[in-house]
Amino acid sequence: MTVEKVAAEAVAAAGYRNAAARLTADALVRNHDIAATKLGCLNAAGLAEMSRGKAPTVVKGPYKGQELNVDHIIPRAVVPELDNVIATWNYCH
């Protein structure tokens, strides 16, 4: 199954519809690409770390060796109701 299909099914299961569903699915796909391709976090070691509840280690780029974390593009303090909306999250080092 493709990342796009998994993202679409996930947002549908979460109850997102219309523009919110598209934005959230697009954010999931984009963040997956960043984690996998640009940061190298979705390799066997990174997946093993996540299966143990740990953040994966960045293996590519300027943040190599650091733990991956997630931050909000739109800060929670500004729009708290978007706290759990994946489209407002962004991977960072």
Protein backbone atom coordinates (compact mmCIF):
# COMPACT_ATOMS: atom_id res chain seq x y z
CA MET A 1 0.00 0.00 0.00
CA THR A 2 1.33 3.48 -0.82
CA VAL A 3 2.02 6.19 1.74
CA GLU A 4 -0.63 8.31 0.07
CA LYS A 5 -3.26 5.58 0.46
CA VAL A 6 -2.36 4.96 4.11
CA ALA A 7 -2.54 8.71 4.81
CA ALA A 8 -5.93 9.00 3.08
CA GLU A 9 -7.31 6.04 5.04
CA ALA A 10 -5.91 7.41 8.31
CA VAL A 11 -7.52 10.83 7.92
CA ALA A 12 -10.81 9.24 6.89
CA ALA A 13 -10.71 6.98 9.97
CA ALA A 14 -10.00 10.05 12.12
CA GLY A 15 -13.11 11.70 10.73
CA TYR A 16 -11.44 14.42 8.66
CA ARG A 17 -13.38 15.54 5.59
CA ASN A 18 -12.90 17.83 2.58
CA ALA A 19 -10.07 20.39 2.78
CA ALA A 20 -9.01 19.28 6.27
CA ALA A 21 -8.62 15.71 5.02
CA ARG A 22 -6.54 16.81 2.02
CA LEU A 23 -4.31 19.12 4.09
CA THR A 24 -3.73 16.50 6.75
CA ALA A 25 -3.06 13.69 4.28
CA ASP A 26 -0.64 15.93 2.38
CA ALA A 27 1.16 16.81 5.63
CA LEU A 28 1.47 13.12 6.54
CA VAL A 29 2.94 12.28 3.13
CA ARG A 30 5.32 15.26 3.22
CA ASN A 31 6.52 14.46 6.75
CA HIS A 32 7.00 10.80 5.82
CA ASP A 33 9.17 11.87 2.89
CA ILE A 34 11.24 14.18 5.11
CA ALA A 35 11.74 11.47 7.76
CA ALA A 36 12.52 8.72 5.25
CA THR A 37 14.41 10.42 2.45
CA LYS A 38 15.93 13.61 3.75
CA LEU A 39 16.69 12.54 7.34
CA GLY A 40 17.03 8.76 6.92
CA CYS A 41 15.01 8.07 10.07
CA LEU A 42 12.82 5.28 8.73
CA ASN A 43 15.62 2.75 8.31
CA ALA A 44 15.69 -0.51 10.31
CA ALA A 45 17.39 1.14 13.31
CA GLY A 46 14.93 4.05 13.35
CA LEU A 47 11.93 1.74 13.12
CA ALA A 48 13.36 -0.38 15.95
CA GLU A 49 13.78 2.75 18.10
CA MET A 50 10.17 3.77 17.44
CA SER A 51 8.90 0.27 18.24
CA ARG A 52 10.52 0.72 21.68
CA GLY A 53 8.80 4.10 22.13
CA LYS A 54 11.91 6.15 21.39
CA ALA A 55 12.42 8.85 18.77
CA PRO A 56 14.50 7.75 15.78
CA THR A 57 18.00 9.13 15.24
CA VAL A 58 18.63 11.38 12.24
CA VAL A 59 21.23 9.68 9.99
CA LYS A 60 21.45 12.18 7.12
CA GLY A 61 21.96 15.90 6.74
CA PRO A 62 23.08 18.64 9.10
CA TYR A 63 21.21 17.14 12.09
CA LYS A 64 22.88 13.73 11.80
CA GLY A 65 23.12 12.00 15.18
CA GLN A 66 20.30 13.99 16.79
CA GLU A 67 16.93 12.62 17.86
CA LEU A 68 14.02 13.47 15.59
CA ASN A 69 11.20 15.46 17.14
CA VAL A 70 7.98 17.03 16.00
CA ASP A 71 6.96 20.65 16.43
CA HIS A 72 3.92 22.68 15.46
CA ILE A 73 4.00 24.91 12.39
CA ILE A 74 1.13 26.85 13.97
CA PRO A 75 1.98 27.13 17.69
CA ARG A 76 -0.49 25.63 20.17
CA ALA A 77 -0.43 28.88 22.14
CA VAL A 78 -1.82 30.74 19.12
CA VAL A 79 -4.53 28.26 18.03
CA PRO A 80 -4.98 25.59 20.74
CA GLU A 81 -7.83 23.86 18.89
CA LEU A 82 -5.31 22.79 16.20
CA ASP A 83 -3.11 20.99 18.74
CA ASN A 84 -3.91 17.50 17.41
CA VAL A 85 -4.27 18.38 13.72
CA ILE A 86 -1.41 16.65 11.93
CA ALA A 87 -1.37 19.24 9.13
CA THR A 88 0.00 21.73 11.70
CA TRP A 89 2.98 19.54 12.64
CA ASN A 90 6.44 19.64 11.13
CA TYR A 91 9.42 17.39 11.60
CA CYS A 92 12.48 19.11 12.96
CA HIS A 93 15.79 17.96 14.39
